[in-house]
Amino acid sequence: MSSIKFRYALLLLIGMLLSACGDMTDDLLPSGDDKRPPVEEGTSGTQVGQQAPDFSLYDTLGNSRGLYTELATAEAVVLYFNMWCPICDAHASHMRADIMPAFPNVQFFLVDYVTGSITDSRAAQEANGYTDMDVLVDIGQEQFDAYRASMGTTVVIDTAGIVQMNEDYKDGARLRSTLEQLP
């Protein structure tokens, strides 16, 4: 008898766990449409079409790097939000080999938002073979949060400070086309 009660209790527990999701279900047929609210022209923010707010982060060598300071000498700034995982490594390797050589006047940055310190970020940069790339350290994840980033988010900011792209890297095709269309 206790075996039957145990089974009923187990089924009840499983049923409760499964029903806890409520109205949350996976979208198995996503549209791919951008569902962010429309951007009002001339506003400041981190969405495509907005004026990017200035920020300053330290690189792995301890130098302070400001967005608009970098834009003063570059056609654009590319931020790639990186967490040193195999997917990020594949994206960064592709960017370094196939995208960066075609755009020598664009400043590319890997943005480390996970290690939590300049020292740890430098160690990860060296261990992963990216000493030839500039890495910014987002210690408090302020830029990660501001750009509503996730692993692999790629942001392009043009020389006027306008956000031209803020989306996942995928295969780099969108990054390339965005950079090719810069004024």
N, C-alpha and C. Protein backbone atom coordinates (compact mmCIF):
# COMPACT_ATOMS: atom_id res chain seq x y z
N MET A 1 0.80 -1.19 0.00
CA MET A 1 0.00 0.00 0.00
C MET A 1 0.85 1.27 0.00
N SER A 2 1.96 1.26 0.78
CA SER A 2 2.80 2.45 0.84
C SER A 2 3.46 2.72 -0.50
N SER A 3 3.68 1.70 -1.30
CA SER A 3 4.25 1.86 -2.63
C SER A 3 3.30 2.65 -3.53
N ILE A 4 2.01 2.38 -3.41
CA ILE A 4 1.01 3.09 -4.21
C ILE A 4 0.92 4.54 -3.75
N LYS A 5 0.94 4.78 -2.45
CA LYS A 5 0.90 6.15 -1.92
C LYS A 5 2.14 6.93 -2.38
N PHE A 6 3.29 6.26 -2.37
CA PHE A 6 4.52 6.91 -2.83
C PHE A 6 4.40 7.32 -4.29
N ARG A 7 3.85 6.44 -5.12
CA ARG A 7 3.69 6.73 -6.54
C ARG A 7 2.74 7.91 -6.74
N TYR A 8 1.63 7.92 -6.00
CA TYR A 8 0.69 9.04 -6.11
C TYR A 8 1.34 10.35 -5.65
N ALA A 9 2.09 10.28 -4.58
CA ALA A 9 2.78 11.47 -4.08
C ALA A 9 3.80 11.96 -5.11
N LEU A 10 4.52 11.03 -5.71
CA LEU A 10 5.50 11.38 -6.73
C LEU A 10 4.83 12.00 -7.95
N LEU A 11 3.72 11.41 -8.40
CA LEU A 11 2.97 11.97 -9.53
C LEU A 11 2.44 13.35 -9.20
N LEU A 12 1.94 13.54 -7.98
CA LEU A 12 1.44 14.84 -7.56
C LEU A 12 2.57 15.86 -7.57
N LEU A 13 3.73 15.50 -7.05
CA LEU A 13 4.88 16.40 -7.03
C LEU A 13 5.32 16.76 -8.45
N ILE A 14 5.40 15.79 -9.33
CA ILE A 14 5.78 16.05 -10.72
C ILE A 14 4.76 16.97 -11.38
N GLY A 15 3.49 16.71 -11.15
CA GLY A 15 2.43 17.55 -11.71
C GLY A 15 2.52 18.98 -11.22
N MET A 16 2.82 19.16 -9.94
CA MET A 16 2.96 20.51 -9.39
C MET A 16 4.16 21.22 -10.00
N LEU A 17 5.27 20.51 -10.15
CA LEU A 17 6.46 21.12 -10.74
C LEU A 17 6.22 21.53 -12.19
N LEU A 18 5.54 20.69 -12.93
CA LEU A 18 5.28 21.00 -14.34
C LEU A 18 4.29 22.14 -14.49
N SER A 19 3.34 22.25 -13.59
CA SER A 19 2.34 23.32 -13.70
C SER A 19 2.85 24.64 -13.17
N ALA A 20 4.00 24.66 -12.51
CA ALA A 20 4.54 25.89 -11.94
C ALA A 20 4.96 26.88 -13.01
N CYS A 21 5.12 26.43 -14.23
CA CYS A 21 5.53 27.33 -15.31
C CYS A 21 4.41 28.27 -15.72
N GLY A 22 3.17 27.96 -15.37
CA GLY A 22 2.05 28.84 -15.68
C GLY A 22 1.93 29.10 -17.17
N ASP A 23 1.88 30.38 -17.53
CA ASP A 23 1.71 30.77 -18.92
C ASP A 23 3.03 30.82 -19.69
N MET A 24 4.12 30.49 -19.03
CA MET A 24 5.42 30.55 -19.70
C MET A 24 5.62 29.30 -20.53
N THR A 25 5.71 29.46 -21.82
CA THR A 25 5.98 28.34 -22.71
C THR A 25 7.03 28.77 -23.72
N ASP A 26 7.77 27.82 -24.20
CA ASP A 26 8.77 28.12 -25.22
C ASP A 26 8.07 28.44 -26.54
N ASP A 27 8.62 29.43 -27.24
CA ASP A 27 8.12 29.77 -28.56
C ASP A 27 8.86 28.88 -29.55
N LEU A 28 8.20 27.82 -29.97
CA LEU A 28 8.86 26.86 -30.86
C LEU A 28 8.89 27.32 -32.31
N LEU A 29 8.18 28.38 -32.63
CA LEU A 29 8.18 28.94 -33.98
C LEU A 29 8.41 30.45 -33.89
N PRO A 30 9.60 30.88 -33.46
CA PRO A 30 9.85 32.32 -33.32
C PRO A 30 9.84 33.00 -34.68
N SER A 31 9.40 34.24 -34.69
CA SER A 31 9.28 34.97 -35.95
C SER A 31 10.59 35.58 -36.40
N GLY A 32 11.47 35.91 -35.46
CA GLY A 32 12.70 36.60 -35.82
C GLY A 32 12.51 38.10 -35.90
N ASP A 33 11.28 38.57 -35.69
CA ASP A 33 11.01 40.00 -35.72
C ASP A 33 11.60 40.68 -34.49
N ASP A 34 12.05 41.90 -34.67
CA ASP A 34 12.56 42.69 -33.56
C ASP A 34 11.36 43.23 -32.79
N LYS A 35 11.21 42.82 -31.55
CA LYS A 35 10.04 43.19 -30.76
C LYS A 35 10.34 44.31 -29.76
N ARG A 36 11.50 44.96 -29.92
CA ARG A 36 11.81 46.08 -29.05
C ARG A 36 10.95 47.27 -29.44
N PRO A 37 10.67 48.16 -28.50
CA PRO A 37 9.86 49.33 -28.84
C PRO A 37 10.58 50.21 -29.85
N PRO A 38 9.83 50.95 -30.67
CA PRO A 38 10.48 51.83 -31.65
C PRO A 38 11.33 52.89 -30.95
N VAL A 39 12.39 53.28 -31.62
CA VAL A 39 13.31 54.27 -31.07
C VAL A 39 12.90 55.65 -31.56
N GLU A 40 12.85 56.58 -30.63
CA GLU A 40 12.55 57.96 -30.98
C GLU A 40 13.85 58.62 -31.44
N GLU A 41 13.83 59.20 -32.62
CA GLU A 41 15.02 59.80 -33.20
C GLU A 41 15.57 60.90 -32.30
N GLY A 42 16.90 60.92 -32.18
CA GLY A 42 17.57 61.95 -31.40
C GLY A 42 17.67 61.65 -29.91
N THR A 43 17.24 60.48 -29.50
CA THR A 43 17.33 60.14 -28.08
C THR A 43 18.64 59.44 -27.77
N SER A 44 18.99 59.46 -26.52
CA SER A 44 20.20 58.79 -26.06
C SER A 44 19.83 57.42 -25.51
N GLY A 45 20.63 56.42 -25.84
CA GLY A 45 20.36 55.07 -25.36
C GLY A 45 21.22 54.05 -26.05
N THR A 46 20.88 52.80 -25.90
CA THR A 46 21.72 51.72 -26.41
C THR A 46 21.05 50.90 -27.50
N GLN A 47 19.89 51.35 -27.97
CA GLN A 47 19.21 50.64 -29.05
C GLN A 47 19.67 51.21 -30.40
N VAL A 48 19.49 50.43 -31.43
CA VAL A 48 19.87 50.85 -32.77
C VAL A 48 19.16 52.17 -33.10
N GLY A 49 19.95 53.14 -33.58
CA GLY A 49 19.42 54.44 -33.94
C GLY A 49 19.57 55.49 -32.85
N GLN A 50 19.93 55.09 -31.66
CA GLN A 50 20.09 56.04 -30.56
C GLN A 50 21.54 56.48 -30.42
N GLN A 51 21.72 57.65 -29.80
CA GLN A 51 23.04 58.17 -29.48
C GLN A 51 23.57 57.40 -28.27
N ALA A 52 24.68 56.71 -28.45
CA ALA A 52 25.25 55.90 -27.36
C ALA A 52 25.77 56.80 -26.25
N PRO A 53 25.42 56.49 -25.01
CA PRO A 53 25.99 57.27 -23.90
C PRO A 53 27.47 56.95 -23.75
N ASP A 54 28.24 57.96 -23.37
CA ASP A 54 29.67 57.74 -23.18
C ASP A 54 29.90 56.83 -21.98
N PHE A 55 30.94 56.07 -22.03
CA PHE A 55 31.34 55.24 -20.90
C PHE A 55 32.84 55.08 -20.93
N SER A 56 33.38 54.65 -19.82
CA SER A 56 34.81 54.41 -19.71
C SER A 56 35.01 53.09 -18.97
N LEU A 57 35.82 52.21 -19.54
CA LEU A 57 36.17 50.94 -18.92
C LEU A 57 37.69 50.78 -18.96
N TYR A 58 38.21 49.99 -18.06
CA TYR A 58 39.64 49.68 -18.09
C TYR A 58 39.88 48.51 -19.03
N ASP A 59 41.02 48.57 -19.73
CA ASP A 59 41.42 47.41 -20.52
C ASP A 59 42.27 46.50 -19.63
N THR A 60 42.72 45.40 -20.18
CA THR A 60 43.45 44.41 -19.37
C THR A 60 44.87 44.87 -19.02
N LEU A 61 45.29 46.00 -19.56
CA LEU A 61 46.59 46.56 -19.21
C LEU A 61 46.45 47.67 -18.17
N GLY A 62 45.20 47.92 -17.73
CA GLY A 62 44.95 48.93 -16.71
C GLY A 62 44.73 50.33 -17.24
N ASN A 63 44.60 50.49 -18.56
CA ASN A 63 44.36 51.80 -19.16
C ASN A 63 42.86 52.07 -19.24
N SER A 64 42.47 53.30 -18.92
CA SER A 64 41.07 53.69 -19.04
C SER A 64 40.78 53.98 -20.51
N ARG A 65 39.70 53.40 -21.03
CA ARG A 65 39.33 53.57 -22.43
C ARG A 65 37.90 54.11 -22.48
N GLY A 66 37.74 55.28 -23.05
CA GLY A 66 36.42 55.91 -23.16
C GLY A 66 35.85 55.73 -24.56
N LEU A 67 34.56 55.55 -24.66
CA LEU A 67 33.91 55.33 -25.95
C LEU A 67 34.20 56.47 -26.91
N TYR A 68 33.93 57.71 -26.51
CA TYR A 68 34.08 58.83 -27.44
C TYR A 68 35.55 59.18 -27.69
N THR A 69 36.43 58.83 -26.78
CA THR A 69 37.87 58.98 -27.04
C THR A 69 38.28 58.03 -28.16
N GLU A 70 37.78 56.80 -28.11
CA GLU A 70 38.08 55.81 -29.15
C GLU A 70 37.47 56.22 -30.49
N LEU A 71 36.24 56.76 -30.45
CA LEU A 71 35.57 57.16 -31.69
C LEU A 71 36.25 58.35 -32.36
N ALA A 72 37.03 59.12 -31.61
CA ALA A 72 37.73 60.28 -32.18
C ALA A 72 38.78 59.85 -33.20
N THR A 73 39.25 58.61 -33.10
CA THR A 73 40.30 58.13 -34.02
C THR A 73 39.89 56.89 -34.80
N ALA A 74 38.61 56.53 -34.75
CA ALA A 74 38.16 55.32 -35.44
C ALA A 74 36.87 55.61 -36.20
N GLU A 75 36.63 54.82 -37.25
CA GLU A 75 35.38 54.96 -38.01
C GLU A 75 34.19 54.39 -37.24
N ALA A 76 34.47 53.48 -36.31
CA ALA A 76 33.43 52.88 -35.49
C ALA A 76 34.09 52.12 -34.36
N VAL A 77 33.28 51.77 -33.37
CA VAL A 77 33.72 50.90 -32.28
C VAL A 77 32.81 49.68 -32.29
N VAL A 78 33.42 48.50 -32.20
CA VAL A 78 32.66 47.25 -32.09
C VAL A 78 32.92 46.68 -30.70
N LEU A 79 31.84 46.39 -29.99
CA LEU A 79 31.91 45.75 -28.68
C LEU A 79 31.38 44.33 -28.82
N TYR A 80 32.18 43.36 -28.43
CA TYR A 80 31.72 41.96 -28.44
C TYR A 80 31.72 41.47 -27.00
N PHE A 81 30.54 41.20 -26.44
CA PHE A 81 30.42 40.77 -25.05
C PHE A 81 30.80 39.29 -24.94
N ASN A 82 31.90 39.06 -24.23
CA ASN A 82 32.61 37.78 -24.24
C ASN A 82 32.68 37.18 -22.84
N MET A 83 32.48 35.87 -22.75
CA MET A 83 32.63 35.20 -21.44
C MET A 83 33.64 34.05 -21.50
N TRP A 84 34.52 34.04 -22.51
CA TRP A 84 35.61 33.09 -22.62
C TRP A 84 35.13 31.65 -22.74
N CYS A 85 33.98 31.43 -23.32
CA CYS A 85 33.47 30.07 -23.51
C CYS A 85 33.80 29.62 -24.94
N PRO A 86 33.58 28.36 -25.28
CA PRO A 86 33.89 27.89 -26.64
C PRO A 86 33.14 28.64 -27.74
N ILE A 87 31.90 29.01 -27.50
CA ILE A 87 31.14 29.76 -28.52
C ILE A 87 31.75 31.14 -28.71
N CYS A 88 32.05 31.82 -27.60
CA CYS A 88 32.69 33.14 -27.69
C CYS A 88 34.04 33.03 -28.39
N ASP A 89 34.78 31.97 -28.11
CA ASP A 89 36.07 31.76 -28.75
C ASP A 89 35.90 31.61 -30.26
N ALA A 90 34.89 30.85 -30.67
CA ALA A 90 34.65 30.67 -32.11
C ALA A 90 34.28 32.00 -32.76
N HIS A 91 33.41 32.78 -32.10
CA HIS A 91 33.03 34.08 -32.65
C HIS A 91 34.23 35.03 -32.72
N ALA A 92 34.98 35.12 -31.62
CA ALA A 92 36.13 36.03 -31.58
C ALA A 92 37.19 35.62 -32.59
N SER A 93 37.42 34.33 -32.74
CA SER A 93 38.39 33.85 -33.74
C SER A 93 37.94 34.21 -35.14
N HIS A 94 36.66 34.04 -35.42
CA HIS A 94 36.11 34.40 -36.73
C HIS A 94 36.24 35.90 -36.96
N MET A 95 35.90 36.69 -35.94
CA MET A 95 35.99 38.14 -36.06
C MET A 95 37.44 38.56 -36.34
N ARG A 96 38.37 37.97 -35.60
CA ARG A 96 39.79 38.33 -35.74
C ARG A 96 40.31 37.94 -37.12
N ALA A 97 39.93 36.79 -37.63
CA ALA A 97 40.46 36.29 -38.90
C ALA A 97 39.73 36.85 -40.12
N ASP A 98 38.41 37.00 -40.04
CA ASP A 98 37.63 37.31 -41.23
C ASP A 98 37.01 38.71 -41.27
N ILE A 99 36.81 39.34 -40.13
CA ILE A 99 36.15 40.65 -40.12
C ILE A 99 37.17 41.77 -39.90
N MET A 100 37.97 41.66 -38.87
CA MET A 100 38.89 42.74 -38.51
C MET A 100 39.85 43.15 -39.63
N PRO A 101 40.43 42.22 -40.38
CA PRO A 101 41.35 42.65 -41.44
C PRO A 101 40.69 43.52 -42.51
N ALA A 102 39.40 43.34 -42.73
CA ALA A 102 38.70 44.12 -43.75
C ALA A 102 38.33 45.52 -43.27
N PHE A 103 38.46 45.78 -41.96
CA PHE A 103 38.05 47.07 -41.40
C PHE A 103 39.13 47.60 -40.46
N PRO A 104 40.30 47.99 -41.02
CA PRO A 104 41.42 48.40 -40.17
C PRO A 104 41.18 49.70 -39.41
N ASN A 105 40.22 50.51 -39.83
CA ASN A 105 39.95 51.78 -39.16
C ASN A 105 38.83 51.68 -38.12
N VAL A 106 38.40 50.46 -37.83
CA VAL A 106 37.38 50.22 -36.81
C VAL A 106 38.08 49.67 -35.57
N GLN A 107 37.70 50.17 -34.40
CA GLN A 107 38.28 49.69 -33.14
C GLN A 107 37.40 48.57 -32.59
N PHE A 108 37.97 47.37 -32.50
CA PHE A 108 37.26 46.20 -32.00
C PHE A 108 37.66 45.94 -30.55
N PHE A 109 36.67 45.67 -29.71
CA PHE A 109 36.92 45.32 -28.31
C PHE A 109 36.16 44.06 -27.94
N LEU A 110 36.83 43.16 -27.25
CA LEU A 110 36.13 42.10 -26.53
C LEU A 110 35.79 42.71 -25.18
N VAL A 111 34.58 42.53 -24.71
CA VAL A 111 34.17 43.06 -23.41
C VAL A 111 33.97 41.88 -22.47
N ASP A 112 34.87 41.76 -21.51
CA ASP A 112 34.82 40.68 -20.52
C ASP A 112 33.92 41.14 -19.37
N TYR A 113 32.79 40.48 -19.24
CA TYR A 113 31.84 40.84 -18.18
C TYR A 113 31.73 39.77 -17.11
N VAL A 114 32.59 38.76 -17.14
CA VAL A 114 32.44 37.65 -16.19
C VAL A 114 33.59 37.48 -15.19
N THR A 115 34.81 37.85 -15.52
CA THR A 115 35.92 37.52 -14.63
C THR A 115 35.94 38.38 -13.37
N GLY A 116 35.51 39.62 -13.45
CA GLY A 116 35.37 40.45 -12.26
C GLY A 116 36.57 41.27 -11.86
N SER A 117 37.70 41.13 -12.54
CA SER A 117 38.87 41.95 -12.20
C SER A 117 39.76 42.07 -13.43
N ILE A 118 40.56 43.12 -13.42
CA ILE A 118 41.50 43.34 -14.53
C ILE A 118 42.52 42.20 -14.58
N THR A 119 43.03 41.79 -13.43
CA THR A 119 44.03 40.72 -13.36
C THR A 119 43.47 39.41 -13.90
N ASP A 120 42.27 39.04 -13.46
CA ASP A 120 41.67 37.78 -13.93
C ASP A 120 41.32 37.85 -15.41
N SER A 121 40.89 39.02 -15.86
CA SER A 121 40.56 39.18 -17.27
C SER A 121 41.82 39.05 -18.13
N ARG A 122 42.91 39.65 -17.68
CA ARG A 122 44.18 39.54 -18.42
C ARG A 122 44.62 38.07 -18.48
N ALA A 123 44.47 37.35 -17.38
CA ALA A 123 44.85 35.93 -17.36
C ALA A 123 43.99 35.14 -18.35
N ALA A 124 42.69 35.43 -18.39
CA ALA A 124 41.80 34.74 -19.34
C ALA A 124 42.15 35.11 -20.77
N GLN A 125 42.48 36.38 -21.00
CA GLN A 125 42.88 36.84 -22.33
C GLN A 125 44.12 36.09 -22.80
N GLU A 126 45.10 35.97 -21.94
CA GLU A 126 46.33 35.26 -22.29
C GLU A 126 46.09 33.77 -22.47
N ALA A 127 45.32 33.17 -21.58
CA ALA A 127 45.06 31.73 -21.64
C ALA A 127 44.29 31.35 -22.90
N ASN A 128 43.46 32.27 -23.39
CA ASN A 128 42.65 31.98 -24.57
C ASN A 128 43.29 32.46 -25.87
N GLY A 129 44.47 33.08 -25.79
CA GLY A 129 45.20 33.47 -26.99
C GLY A 129 44.73 34.76 -27.64
N TYR A 130 44.26 35.72 -26.85
CA TYR A 130 43.76 36.97 -27.41
C TYR A 130 44.56 38.19 -26.99
N THR A 131 45.85 38.03 -26.78
CA THR A 131 46.67 39.17 -26.39
C THR A 131 46.82 40.20 -27.51
N ASP A 132 46.49 39.80 -28.73
CA ASP A 132 46.55 40.73 -29.86
C ASP A 132 45.26 41.54 -30.02
N MET A 133 44.27 41.29 -29.18
CA MET A 133 43.01 42.03 -29.24
C MET A 133 42.85 42.86 -27.97
N ASP A 134 42.17 43.99 -28.10
CA ASP A 134 41.88 44.82 -26.94
C ASP A 134 40.70 44.24 -26.18
N VAL A 135 40.87 44.08 -24.88
CA VAL A 135 39.82 43.55 -24.02
C VAL A 135 39.48 44.59 -22.97
N LEU A 136 38.20 44.95 -22.91
CA LEU A 136 37.71 45.85 -21.87
C LEU A 136 37.12 45.01 -20.74
N VAL A 137 37.30 45.48 -19.52
CA VAL A 137 36.84 44.73 -18.34
C VAL A 137 35.63 45.45 -17.74
N ASP A 138 34.47 44.84 -17.87
CA ASP A 138 33.21 45.39 -17.35
C ASP A 138 32.95 44.78 -15.98
N ILE A 139 33.70 45.24 -14.99
CA ILE A 139 33.72 44.62 -13.66
C ILE A 139 32.34 44.55 -13.03
N GLY A 140 31.58 45.61 -13.06
CA GLY A 140 30.25 45.62 -12.45
C GLY A 140 29.13 45.29 -13.41
N GLN A 141 29.47 44.85 -14.60
CA GLN A 141 28.51 44.52 -15.66
C GLN A 141 27.61 45.71 -16.02
N GLU A 142 28.12 46.93 -15.85
CA GLU A 142 27.32 48.11 -16.16
C GLU A 142 27.01 48.22 -17.65
N GLN A 143 28.01 48.02 -18.49
CA GLN A 143 27.76 48.11 -19.93
C GLN A 143 26.99 46.89 -20.42
N PHE A 144 27.26 45.75 -19.85
CA PHE A 144 26.50 44.53 -20.16
C PHE A 144 25.02 44.79 -19.92
N ASP A 145 24.69 45.37 -18.78
CA ASP A 145 23.30 45.68 -18.45
C ASP A 145 22.75 46.81 -19.32
N ALA A 146 23.55 47.85 -19.53
CA ALA A 146 23.09 49.01 -20.31
C ALA A 146 22.73 48.61 -21.74
N TYR A 147 23.52 47.73 -22.34
CA TYR A 147 23.27 47.30 -23.72
C TYR A 147 22.36 46.08 -23.79
N ARG A 148 21.82 45.69 -22.63
CA ARG A 148 20.94 44.51 -22.55
C ARG A 148 21.58 43.33 -23.27
N ALA A 149 22.85 43.15 -22.96
CA ALA A 149 23.66 42.16 -23.66
C ALA A 149 23.45 40.76 -23.10
N SER A 150 23.93 39.81 -23.86
CA SER A 150 24.05 38.43 -23.43
C SER A 150 25.35 37.92 -24.06
N MET A 151 25.68 36.69 -23.78
CA MET A 151 26.88 36.12 -24.38
C MET A 151 26.80 36.27 -25.90
N GLY A 152 27.81 36.88 -26.49
CA GLY A 152 27.86 37.00 -27.94
C GLY A 152 27.20 38.24 -28.51
N THR A 153 26.64 39.10 -27.66
CA THR A 153 26.05 40.33 -28.18
C THR A 153 27.14 41.18 -28.81
N THR A 154 26.85 41.70 -29.98
CA THR A 154 27.79 42.53 -30.72
C THR A 154 27.15 43.88 -30.97
N VAL A 155 27.86 44.94 -30.60
CA VAL A 155 27.35 46.30 -30.72
C VAL A 155 28.29 47.08 -31.63
N VAL A 156 27.72 47.79 -32.60
CA VAL A 156 28.50 48.67 -33.47
C VAL A 156 28.03 50.09 -33.22
N ILE A 157 28.98 50.98 -32.93
CA ILE A 157 28.70 52.39 -32.71
C ILE A 157 29.53 53.16 -33.73
N ASP A 158 28.85 53.97 -34.56
CA ASP A 158 29.57 54.69 -35.61
C ASP A 158 30.28 55.92 -35.06
N THR A 159 31.03 56.59 -35.92
CA THR A 159 31.86 57.71 -35.51
C THR A 159 31.06 58.87 -34.93
N ALA A 160 29.78 58.97 -35.28
CA ALA A 160 28.91 60.00 -34.71
C ALA A 160 28.32 59.57 -33.37
N GLY A 161 28.62 58.35 -32.95
CA GLY A 161 28.12 57.86 -31.68
C GLY A 161 26.75 57.20 -31.76
N ILE A 162 26.29 56.91 -32.97
CA ILE A 162 24.98 56.29 -33.15
C ILE A 162 25.13 54.77 -33.14
N VAL A 163 24.29 54.10 -32.37
CA VAL A 163 24.30 52.63 -32.33
C VAL A 163 23.74 52.12 -33.65
N GLN A 164 24.55 51.38 -34.40
CA GLN A 164 24.14 50.85 -35.70
C GLN A 164 23.72 49.38 -35.62
N MET A 165 24.18 48.69 -34.57
CA MET A 165 23.86 47.27 -34.42
C MET A 165 23.93 46.93 -32.94
N ASN A 166 23.01 46.10 -32.47
CA ASN A 166 23.03 45.59 -31.11
C ASN A 166 22.29 44.26 -31.13
N GLU A 167 23.01 43.19 -31.46
CA GLU A 167 22.39 41.86 -31.57
C GLU A 167 23.45 40.77 -31.46
N ASP A 168 23.01 39.53 -31.50
CA ASP A 168 23.91 38.39 -31.38
C ASP A 168 24.82 38.29 -32.60
N TYR A 169 26.05 37.82 -32.38
CA TYR A 169 27.04 37.71 -33.45
C TYR A 169 26.63 36.73 -34.54
N LYS A 170 26.08 35.61 -34.18
CA LYS A 170 25.70 34.51 -35.09
C LYS A 170 26.89 34.11 -35.95
N ASP A 171 26.85 34.42 -37.25
CA ASP A 171 27.94 34.02 -38.14
C ASP A 171 28.79 35.21 -38.60
N GLY A 172 28.52 36.39 -38.09
CA GLY A 172 29.29 37.58 -38.43
C GLY A 172 28.82 38.30 -39.68
N ALA A 173 27.85 37.73 -40.41
CA ALA A 173 27.38 38.36 -41.65
C ALA A 173 26.74 39.71 -41.38
N ARG A 174 25.94 39.81 -40.35
CA ARG A 174 25.27 41.07 -40.02
C ARG A 174 26.30 42.12 -39.58
N LEU A 175 27.31 41.70 -38.83
CA LEU A 175 28.37 42.62 -38.43
C LEU A 175 29.08 43.15 -39.67
N ARG A 176 29.45 42.27 -40.58
CA ARG A 176 30.14 42.69 -41.80
C ARG A 176 29.29 43.68 -42.60
N SER A 177 28.01 43.36 -42.80
CA SER A 177 27.16 44.25 -43.60
C SER A 177 26.96 45.60 -42.91
N THR A 178 26.87 45.59 -41.58
CA THR A 178 26.73 46.85 -40.84
C THR A 178 27.98 47.70 -41.02
N LEU A 179 29.15 47.09 -40.91
CA LEU A 179 30.40 47.83 -41.07
C LEU A 179 30.58 48.31 -42.51
N GLU A 180 30.15 47.53 -43.48
CA GLU A 180 30.26 47.95 -44.89
C GLU A 180 29.36 49.14 -45.19
N GLN A 181 28.28 49.29 -44.46
CA GLN A 181 27.32 50.37 -44.71
C GLN A 181 27.61 51.64 -43.90
N LEU A 182 28.68 51.64 -43.13
CA LEU A 182 28.99 52.83 -42.34
C LEU A 182 29.26 54.02 -43.26
N PRO A 183 28.85 55.20 -42.82
CA PRO A 183 29.10 56.40 -43.66
C PRO A 183 30.58 56.71 -43.79
